[in-house]
Amino acid sequence: MGIVLITGATAGFGKACATTFAAKGYDVIITGRRKEKLAELQASLEKEYAIKVLSLDFDVRDELAVKQTLENIPASWKEVDILVNNAGLALGLSTIDEGSTADWNTMIDTNVKGLLYVSRMVMPWMKPRKKGHIINLGSTAAKHVYAKGNVYCATKAAVDAISQGMRIDLLPHRIKVTAVHPGAAETEFSVVRFKGDTGKAADVYKGFTPLTAQDVADVIYYCSTLPAHVCINDLVITPLQQANAYYTDKN
């Protein structure tokens, strides 16, 4: 089928994407910071789907590590058909005047700069082939800023703008760019945001049925299956009981 590169593949949307594309016959490059989780996923995918997996342990925030790791993979793996820029996170939920600058830096470095570092390496592999598809994970937070979401919302708005810029710049090279913006999805997202407080994380999803990681992976896969002349530029997906980033009907 081809090769798909997925960042942040050890959990959530990334892991679901890796499994979904592998099940469809794609060879996958999985990246992440948790080496043991990557190894487990690699073994599982290779056994279950008889496809090839390249596991790369690095932090997308580290520009040098991104560059050195991706530069040095075998040439055959550089024929990437689909890049899923999934690595991202929210940290904290507070007003700007009480926000943690460390949290801000982590979100900006991961959600914005990490996406750029990986894309900057992969796009030149796609350009000579005049094909490829870059799928960037945004959020409903990119479209509507909610209380105490400030910097996280700003990073996802940046992903939205960067996706638009990529689409313009890559137009002559026939490379598709899709931004997928999920709403409330029950993954590790809220556990990470609340720094391990599972009770507070669980409260986020009470009173409605949230999206699952597989729901989002299915949408991402669908976007990748359209005819060569068709590109979904921007797609927002929410659970039925959520209208946007701040309107959710819980009962």
C-alpha atoms as a PDB file:
ATOM      1  CA  MET A   1       0.000   0.000   0.000  1.00  0.00           C
ATOM      2  CA  GLY A   2       2.691   2.485   0.994  1.00  0.00           C
ATOM      3  CA  ILE A   3       4.387   4.024   4.015  1.00  0.00           C
ATOM      4  CA  VAL A   4       2.804   6.159   6.726  1.00  0.00           C
ATOM      5  CA  LEU A   5       4.795   8.056   9.361  1.00  0.00           C
ATOM      6  CA  ILE A   6       2.950   8.784  12.606  1.00  0.00           C
ATOM      7  CA  THR A   7       4.308  10.951  15.409  1.00  0.00           C
ATOM      8  CA  GLY A   8       3.195  10.389  18.980  1.00  0.00           C
ATOM      9  CA  ALA A   9       2.271   6.815  18.158  1.00  0.00           C
ATOM     10  CA  THR A  10       2.501   5.256  21.617  1.00  0.00           C
ATOM     11  CA  ALA A  11      -1.065   6.114  22.686  1.00  0.00           C
ATOM     12  CA  GLY A  12      -4.324   7.782  21.735  1.00  0.00           C
ATOM     13  CA  PHE A  13      -4.914   8.944  18.174  1.00  0.00           C
ATOM     14  CA  GLY A  14      -1.385   8.021  17.113  1.00  0.00           C
ATOM     15  CA  LYS A  15      -1.606   4.415  18.252  1.00  0.00           C
ATOM     16  CA  ALA A  16      -5.071   4.040  16.734  1.00  0.00           C
ATOM     17  CA  CYS A  17      -3.785   5.457  13.444  1.00  0.00           C
ATOM     18  CA  ALA A  18      -0.825   3.083  13.425  1.00  0.00           C
ATOM     19  CA  THR A  19      -3.128   0.111  13.970  1.00  0.00           C
ATOM     20  CA  THR A  20      -5.667   1.285  11.376  1.00  0.00           C
ATOM     21  CA  PHE A  21      -3.126   1.909   8.623  1.00  0.00           C
ATOM     22  CA  ALA A  22      -1.280  -1.340   9.418  1.00  0.00           C
ATOM     23  CA  ALA A  23      -4.563  -3.249   9.148  1.00  0.00           C
ATOM     24  CA  LYS A  24      -4.984  -1.794   5.660  1.00  0.00           C
ATOM     25  CA  GLY A  25      -1.561  -3.044   4.580  1.00  0.00           C
ATOM     26  CA  TYR A  26       0.599   0.045   5.088  1.00  0.00           C
ATOM     27  CA  ASP A  27       4.126  -0.208   6.428  1.00  0.00           C
ATOM     28  CA  VAL A  28       4.392   2.226   9.324  1.00  0.00           C
ATOM     29  CA  ILE A  29       7.024   4.428  10.905  1.00  0.00           C
ATOM     30  CA  ILE A  30       6.053   5.041  14.517  1.00  0.00           C
ATOM     31  CA  THR A  31       7.709   7.697  16.647  1.00  0.00           C
ATOM     32  CA  GLY A  32       7.461   8.624  20.294  1.00  0.00           C
ATOM     33  CA  ARG A  33       9.303   9.248  23.540  1.00  0.00           C
ATOM     34  CA  ARG A  34       8.402   5.988  25.305  1.00  0.00           C
ATOM     35  CA  LYS A  35      10.762   3.376  23.928  1.00  0.00           C
ATOM     36  CA  GLU A  36       9.104   0.411  25.627  1.00  0.00           C
ATOM     37  CA  LYS A  37       5.657   1.398  24.330  1.00  0.00           C
ATOM     38  CA  LEU A  38       7.064   1.757  20.807  1.00  0.00           C
ATOM     39  CA  ALA A  39       8.630  -1.699  21.013  1.00  0.00           C
ATOM     40  CA  GLU A  40       5.349  -3.213  22.220  1.00  0.00           C
ATOM     41  CA  LEU A  41       3.411  -1.570  19.410  1.00  0.00           C
ATOM     42  CA  GLN A  42       5.942  -2.621  16.801  1.00  0.00           C
ATOM     43  CA  ALA A  43       5.817  -6.254  17.915  1.00  0.00           C
ATOM     44  CA  SER A  44       2.017  -6.219  17.973  1.00  0.00           C
ATOM     45  CA  LEU A  45       1.626  -4.678  14.512  1.00  0.00           C
ATOM     46  CA  GLU A  46       4.199  -6.925  12.869  1.00  0.00           C
ATOM     47  CA  LYS A  47       2.630 -10.030  14.362  1.00  0.00           C
ATOM     48  CA  GLU A  48      -0.991  -9.089  13.708  1.00  0.00           C
ATOM     49  CA  TYR A  49      -0.727  -7.606  10.231  1.00  0.00           C
ATOM     50  CA  ALA A  50       2.506  -8.961   8.741  1.00  0.00           C
ATOM     51  CA  ILE A  51       3.680  -5.493   7.714  1.00  0.00           C
ATOM     52  CA  LYS A  52       6.993  -3.713   8.262  1.00  0.00           C
ATOM     53  CA  VAL A  53       7.421  -1.314  11.165  1.00  0.00           C
ATOM     54  CA  LEU A  54      10.223   1.167  11.815  1.00  0.00           C
ATOM     55  CA  SER A  55      10.271   2.390  15.401  1.00  0.00           C
ATOM     56  CA  LEU A  56      11.985   5.731  16.121  1.00  0.00           C
ATOM     57  CA  ASP A  57      12.470   6.905  19.694  1.00  0.00           C
ATOM     58  CA  PHE A  58      12.839  10.694  19.834  1.00  0.00           C
ATOM     59  CA  ASP A  59      11.151  13.808  21.177  1.00  0.00           C
ATOM     60  CA  VAL A  60       9.695  16.031  18.448  1.00  0.00           C
ATOM     61  CA  ARG A  61      10.688  19.072  20.549  1.00  0.00           C
ATOM     62  CA  ASP A  62      14.362  18.259  19.983  1.00  0.00           C
ATOM     63  CA  GLU A  63      15.188  19.721  16.574  1.00  0.00           C
ATOM     64  CA  LEU A  64      18.594  18.050  16.364  1.00  0.00           C
ATOM     65  CA  ALA A  65      17.207  14.635  17.331  1.00  0.00           C
ATOM     66  CA  VAL A  66      14.436  14.944  14.736  1.00  0.00           C
ATOM     67  CA  LYS A  67      16.932  15.893  12.040  1.00  0.00           C
ATOM     68  CA  GLN A  68      19.558  13.281  12.863  1.00  0.00           C
ATOM     69  CA  THR A  69      17.088  10.439  13.358  1.00  0.00           C
ATOM     70  CA  LEU A  70      15.098  11.022  10.185  1.00  0.00           C
ATOM     71  CA  GLU A  71      18.157  11.786   8.054  1.00  0.00           C
ATOM     72  CA  ASN A  72      19.658   8.431   8.968  1.00  0.00           C
ATOM     73  CA  ILE A  73      16.780   6.073   8.299  1.00  0.00           C
ATOM     74  CA  PRO A  74      17.213   3.764   5.277  1.00  0.00           C
ATOM     75  CA  ALA A  75      16.396   5.367   1.925  1.00  0.00           C
ATOM     76  CA  SER A  76      13.577   2.897   1.290  1.00  0.00           C
ATOM     77  CA  TRP A  77      11.755   4.210   4.380  1.00  0.00           C
ATOM     78  CA  LYS A  78      11.952   7.799   3.117  1.00  0.00           C
ATOM     79  CA  GLU A  79       9.337   7.092   0.458  1.00  0.00           C
ATOM     80  CA  VAL A  80       6.662   8.278   2.888  1.00  0.00           C
ATOM     81  CA  ASP A  81       3.189   8.528   1.366  1.00  0.00           C
ATOM     82  CA  ILE A  82       1.372   9.889   4.415  1.00  0.00           C
ATOM     83  CA  LEU A  83       2.651  11.907   7.364  1.00  0.00           C
ATOM     84  CA  VAL A  84       0.358  12.116  10.385  1.00  0.00           C
ATOM     85  CA  ASN A  85       1.545  14.921  12.650  1.00  0.00           C
ATOM     86  CA  ASN A  86      -0.174  13.693  15.784  1.00  0.00           C
ATOM     87  CA  ALA A  87       2.269  14.428  18.633  1.00  0.00           C
ATOM     88  CA  GLY A  88       0.713  17.050  20.868  1.00  0.00           C
ATOM     89  CA  LEU A  89      -0.637  17.759  24.332  1.00  0.00           C
ATOM     90  CA  ALA A  90      -2.345  20.161  26.691  1.00  0.00           C
ATOM     91  CA  LEU A  91      -0.831  20.977  30.071  1.00  0.00           C
ATOM     92  CA  GLY A  92      -2.774  22.724  32.805  1.00  0.00           C
ATOM     93  CA  LEU A  93      -6.002  24.671  32.755  1.00  0.00           C
ATOM     94  CA  SER A  94      -5.555  28.141  34.191  1.00  0.00           C
ATOM     95  CA  THR A  95      -5.856  31.818  33.431  1.00  0.00           C
ATOM     96  CA  ILE A  96      -2.882  33.370  31.659  1.00  0.00           C
ATOM     97  CA  ASP A  97      -1.876  35.414  34.694  1.00  0.00           C
ATOM     98  CA  GLU A  98      -1.604  32.195  36.714  1.00  0.00           C
ATOM     99  CA  GLY A  99      -0.223  29.988  33.927  1.00  0.00           C
ATOM    100  CA  SER A 100       2.957  27.966  34.114  1.00  0.00           C
ATOM    101  CA  THR A 101       5.583  29.181  31.658  1.00  0.00           C
ATOM    102  CA  ALA A 102       7.088  25.672  31.683  1.00  0.00           C
ATOM    103  CA  ASP A 103       3.745  24.284  30.534  1.00  0.00           C
ATOM    104  CA  TRP A 104       3.504  26.974  27.853  1.00  0.00           C
ATOM    105  CA  ASN A 105       6.953  26.116  26.521  1.00  0.00           C
ATOM    106  CA  THR A 106       6.182  22.390  26.403  1.00  0.00           C
ATOM    107  CA  MET A 107       2.934  22.941  24.500  1.00  0.00           C
ATOM    108  CA  ILE A 108       4.448  25.402  22.031  1.00  0.00           C
ATOM    109  CA  ASP A 109       7.554  23.272  21.493  1.00  0.00           C
ATOM    110  CA  THR A 110       5.531  20.090  20.945  1.00  0.00           C
ATOM    111  CA  ASN A 111       2.349  21.227  19.219  1.00  0.00           C
ATOM    112  CA  VAL A 112       3.877  23.850  16.945  1.00  0.00           C
ATOM    113  CA  LYS A 113       7.631  23.541  16.645  1.00  0.00           C
ATOM    114  CA  GLY A 114       7.660  19.733  16.773  1.00  0.00           C
ATOM    115  CA  LEU A 115       5.145  19.566  13.943  1.00  0.00           C
ATOM    116  CA  LEU A 116       7.296  21.949  11.915  1.00  0.00           C
ATOM    117  CA  TYR A 117      10.551  20.084  12.570  1.00  0.00           C
ATOM    118  CA  VAL A 118       9.126  16.736  11.413  1.00  0.00           C
ATOM    119  CA  SER A 119       7.322  18.251   8.418  1.00  0.00           C
ATOM    120  CA  ARG A 120      10.472  20.094   7.349  1.00  0.00           C
ATOM    121  CA  MET A 121      12.291  16.752   7.125  1.00  0.00           C
ATOM    122  CA  VAL A 122       9.552  14.787   5.365  1.00  0.00           C
ATOM    123  CA  MET A 123       8.299  17.299   2.789  1.00  0.00           C
ATOM    124  CA  PRO A 124      11.510  17.182   0.701  1.00  0.00           C
ATOM    125  CA  TRP A 125      11.049  13.403   0.440  1.00  0.00           C
ATOM    126  CA  MET A 126       7.598  13.891  -1.064  1.00  0.00           C
ATOM    127  CA  LYS A 127       8.308  16.780  -3.448  1.00  0.00           C
ATOM    128  CA  PRO A 128      10.370  14.915  -6.111  1.00  0.00           C
ATOM    129  CA  ARG A 129       7.670  12.242  -6.291  1.00  0.00           C
ATOM    130  CA  LYS A 130       4.924  14.852  -6.835  1.00  0.00           C
ATOM    131  CA  LYS A 131       2.659  13.144  -4.341  1.00  0.00           C
ATOM    132  CA  GLY A 132       2.083  12.718  -0.644  1.00  0.00           C
ATOM    133  CA  HIS A 133      -0.377  13.625   2.075  1.00  0.00           C
ATOM    134  CA  ILE A 134       0.297  15.523   5.303  1.00  0.00           C
ATOM    135  CA  ILE A 135      -2.380  15.221   7.976  1.00  0.00           C
ATOM    136  CA  ASN A 136      -2.072  17.611  10.917  1.00  0.00           C
ATOM    137  CA  LEU A 137      -3.951  17.040  14.167  1.00  0.00           C
ATOM    138  CA  GLY A 138      -5.544  20.239  15.311  1.00  0.00           C
ATOM    139  CA  SER A 139      -8.475  20.608  17.700  1.00  0.00           C
ATOM    140  CA  THR A 140     -11.819  22.332  18.077  1.00  0.00           C
ATOM    141  CA  ALA A 141      -9.672  24.585  20.299  1.00  0.00           C
ATOM    142  CA  ALA A 142      -8.157  25.910  17.061  1.00  0.00           C
ATOM    143  CA  LYS A 143     -11.552  27.292  16.095  1.00  0.00           C
ATOM    144  CA  HIS A 144     -12.911  28.605  19.413  1.00  0.00           C
ATOM    145  CA  VAL A 145     -10.895  29.734  22.417  1.00  0.00           C
ATOM    146  CA  TYR A 146     -12.355  28.534  25.723  1.00  0.00           C
ATOM    147  CA  ALA A 147     -11.815  29.772  29.265  1.00  0.00           C
ATOM    148  CA  LYS A 148      -8.412  28.843  30.707  1.00  0.00           C
ATOM    149  CA  GLY A 149      -7.400  27.185  27.425  1.00  0.00           C
ATOM    150  CA  ASN A 150      -5.464  30.257  26.209  1.00  0.00           C
ATOM    151  CA  VAL A 151      -2.014  28.947  25.208  1.00  0.00           C
ATOM    152  CA  TYR A 152      -3.192  25.450  24.246  1.00  0.00           C
ATOM    153  CA  CYS A 153      -5.858  27.024  22.015  1.00  0.00           C
ATOM    154  CA  ALA A 154      -3.186  29.292  20.542  1.00  0.00           C
ATOM    155  CA  THR A 155      -0.979  26.329  19.628  1.00  0.00           C
ATOM    156  CA  LYS A 156      -3.841  24.595  17.857  1.00  0.00           C
ATOM    157  CA  ALA A 157      -4.782  27.807  16.051  1.00  0.00           C
ATOM    158  CA  ALA A 158      -1.160  27.851  14.902  1.00  0.00           C
ATOM    159  CA  VAL A 159      -1.545  24.298  13.570  1.00  0.00           C
ATOM    160  CA  ASP A 160      -4.585  25.508  11.627  1.00  0.00           C
ATOM    161  CA  ALA A 161      -2.637  28.430  10.133  1.00  0.00           C
ATOM    162  CA  ILE A 162       0.434  26.303   9.399  1.00  0.00           C
ATOM    163  CA  SER A 163      -1.759  23.758   7.605  1.00  0.00           C
ATOM    164  CA  GLN A 164      -3.145  26.517   5.395  1.00  0.00           C
ATOM    165  CA  GLY A 165       0.368  27.759   4.659  1.00  0.00           C
ATOM    166  CA  MET A 166       1.604  24.248   3.859  1.00  0.00           C
ATOM    167  CA  ARG A 167      -1.276  23.741   1.462  1.00  0.00           C
ATOM    168  CA  ILE A 168      -0.328  26.881  -0.462  1.00  0.00           C
ATOM    169  CA  ASP A 169       3.413  26.157  -0.509  1.00  0.00           C
ATOM    170  CA  LEU A 170       2.989  22.519  -1.532  1.00  0.00           C
ATOM    171  CA  LEU A 171       0.355  23.173  -4.190  1.00  0.00           C
ATOM    172  CA  PRO A 172       2.853  23.044  -7.100  1.00  0.00           C
ATOM    173  CA  HIS A 173       4.128  19.709  -5.802  1.00  0.00           C
ATOM    174  CA  ARG A 174       0.678  18.072  -5.649  1.00  0.00           C
ATOM    175  CA  ILE A 175       1.016  17.238  -1.973  1.00  0.00           C
ATOM    176  CA  LYS A 176      -2.246  17.142  -0.045  1.00  0.00           C
ATOM    177  CA  VAL A 177      -2.574  18.840   3.342  1.00  0.00           C
ATOM    178  CA  THR A 178      -5.464  18.024   5.665  1.00  0.00           C
ATOM    179  CA  ALA A 179      -6.112  19.469   9.114  1.00  0.00           C
ATOM    180  CA  VAL A 180      -8.284  17.271  11.333  1.00  0.00           C
ATOM    181  CA  HIS A 181      -9.769  19.001  14.386  1.00  0.00           C
ATOM    182  CA  PRO A 182     -11.231  16.604  16.983  1.00  0.00           C
ATOM    183  CA  GLY A 183     -13.449  17.701  19.828  1.00  0.00           C
ATOM    184  CA  ALA A 184     -13.736  15.871  23.145  1.00  0.00           C
ATOM    185  CA  ALA A 185     -12.076  12.473  22.862  1.00  0.00           C
ATOM    186  CA  GLU A 186     -11.363  10.139  25.749  1.00  0.00           C
ATOM    187  CA  THR A 187      -7.663   9.327  25.444  1.00  0.00           C
ATOM    188  CA  GLU A 188      -4.699  10.173  27.692  1.00  0.00           C
ATOM    189  CA  PHE A 189      -5.326  13.839  26.813  1.00  0.00           C
ATOM    190  CA  SER A 190      -7.032  14.925  30.036  1.00  0.00           C
ATOM    191  CA  VAL A 191      -4.837  12.737  32.251  1.00  0.00           C
ATOM    192  CA  VAL A 192      -1.826  14.524  30.769  1.00  0.00           C
ATOM    193  CA  ARG A 193      -3.484  17.942  31.029  1.00  0.00           C
ATOM    194  CA  PHE A 194      -4.243  17.374  34.721  1.00  0.00           C
ATOM    195  CA  LYS A 195      -0.827  15.802  35.328  1.00  0.00           C
ATOM    196  CA  GLY A 196      -1.967  12.352  36.353  1.00  0.00           C
ATOM    197  CA  ASP A 197      -5.162  13.277  38.194  1.00  0.00           C
ATOM    198  CA  THR A 198      -7.382  10.526  36.801  1.00  0.00           C
ATOM    199  CA  GLY A 199     -10.434  11.640  38.780  1.00  0.00           C
ATOM    200  CA  LYS A 200     -10.355  15.138  37.347  1.00  0.00           C
ATOM    201  CA  ALA A 201      -9.703  13.685  33.887  1.00  0.00           C
ATOM    202  CA  ALA A 202     -12.700  11.347  34.143  1.00  0.00           C
ATOM    203  CA  ASP A 203     -14.973  14.235  35.123  1.00  0.00           C
ATOM    204  CA  VAL A 204     -14.330  15.892  31.748  1.00  0.00           C
ATOM    205  CA  TYR A 205     -16.251  13.127  29.962  1.00  0.00           C
ATOM    206  CA  LYS A 206     -19.156  12.628  32.387  1.00  0.00           C
ATOM    207  CA  GLY A 207     -22.655  13.189  31.031  1.00  0.00           C
ATOM    208  CA  PHE A 208     -21.953  12.536  27.353  1.00  0.00           C
ATOM    209  CA  THR A 209     -20.347  10.007  25.037  1.00  0.00           C
ATOM    210  CA  PRO A 210     -16.970  11.335  23.862  1.00  0.00           C
ATOM    211  CA  LEU A 211     -15.112  10.397  20.715  1.00  0.00           C
ATOM    212  CA  THR A 212     -12.710   7.480  20.879  1.00  0.00           C
ATOM    213  CA  ALA A 213      -9.231   7.368  19.432  1.00  0.00           C
ATOM    214  CA  GLN A 214     -10.522   4.885  16.856  1.00  0.00           C
ATOM    215  CA  ASP A 215     -13.254   7.308  15.749  1.00  0.00           C
ATOM    216  CA  VAL A 216     -10.599   9.873  14.906  1.00  0.00           C
ATOM    217  CA  ALA A 217      -8.273   7.322  13.303  1.00  0.00           C
ATOM    218  CA  ASP A 218     -11.118   6.170  11.043  1.00  0.00           C
ATOM    219  CA  VAL A 219     -11.700   9.755   9.886  1.00  0.00           C
ATOM    220  CA  ILE A 220      -7.980  10.269   9.256  1.00  0.00           C
ATOM    221  CA  TYR A 221      -7.823   7.052   7.254  1.00  0.00           C
ATOM    222  CA  TYR A 222     -10.879   8.078   5.234  1.00  0.00           C
ATOM    223  CA  CYS A 223      -9.258  11.402   4.345  1.00  0.00           C
ATOM    224  CA  SER A 224      -6.274   9.470   2.988  1.00  0.00           C
ATOM    225  CA  THR A 225      -8.368   7.224   0.730  1.00  0.00           C
ATOM    226  CA  LEU A 226      -9.921   9.801  -1.586  1.00  0.00           C
ATOM    227  CA  PRO A 227      -9.017  10.051  -5.290  1.00  0.00           C
ATOM    228  CA  ALA A 228      -5.763  11.780  -6.181  1.00  0.00           C
ATOM    229  CA  HIS A 229      -7.553  14.954  -7.296  1.00  0.00           C
ATOM    230  CA  VAL A 230      -9.618  15.288  -4.085  1.00  0.00           C
ATOM    231  CA  CYS A 231      -8.333  16.781  -0.817  1.00  0.00           C
ATOM    232  CA  ILE A 232     -10.256  17.437   2.378  1.00  0.00           C
ATOM    233  CA  ASN A 233      -8.590  20.632   3.559  1.00  0.00           C
ATOM    234  CA  ASP A 234     -10.159  21.127   6.958  1.00  0.00           C
ATOM    235  CA  LEU A 235     -12.371  18.817   8.994  1.00  0.00           C
ATOM    236  CA  VAL A 236     -13.922  19.282  12.452  1.00  0.00           C
ATOM    237  CA  ILE A 237     -15.212  16.197  14.257  1.00  0.00           C
ATOM    238  CA  THR A 238     -17.066  16.233  17.577  1.00  0.00           C
ATOM    239  CA  PRO A 239     -19.217  13.890  19.604  1.00  0.00           C
ATOM    240  CA  LEU A 240     -22.950  14.331  19.021  1.00  0.00           C
ATOM    241  CA  GLN A 241     -23.434  16.178  22.315  1.00  0.00           C
ATOM    242  CA  GLN A 242     -20.705  18.726  21.574  1.00  0.00           C
ATOM    243  CA  ALA A 243     -21.280  21.695  19.254  1.00  0.00           C
ATOM    244  CA  ASN A 244     -17.813  23.255  19.508  1.00  0.00           C
ATOM    245  CA  ALA A 245     -14.952  23.786  21.945  1.00  0.00           C
ATOM    246  CA  TYR A 246     -17.152  25.249  24.670  1.00  0.00           C
ATOM    247  CA  TYR A 247     -20.734  24.101  24.100  1.00  0.00           C
ATOM    248  CA  THR A 248     -21.399  20.553  25.349  1.00  0.00           C
ATOM    249  CA  ASP A 249     -24.819  19.251  26.408  1.00  0.00           C
ATOM    250  CA  LYS A 250     -24.257  16.989  29.403  1.00  0.00           C
ATOM    251  CA  ASN A 251     -27.069  15.061  30.996  1.00  0.00           C
END
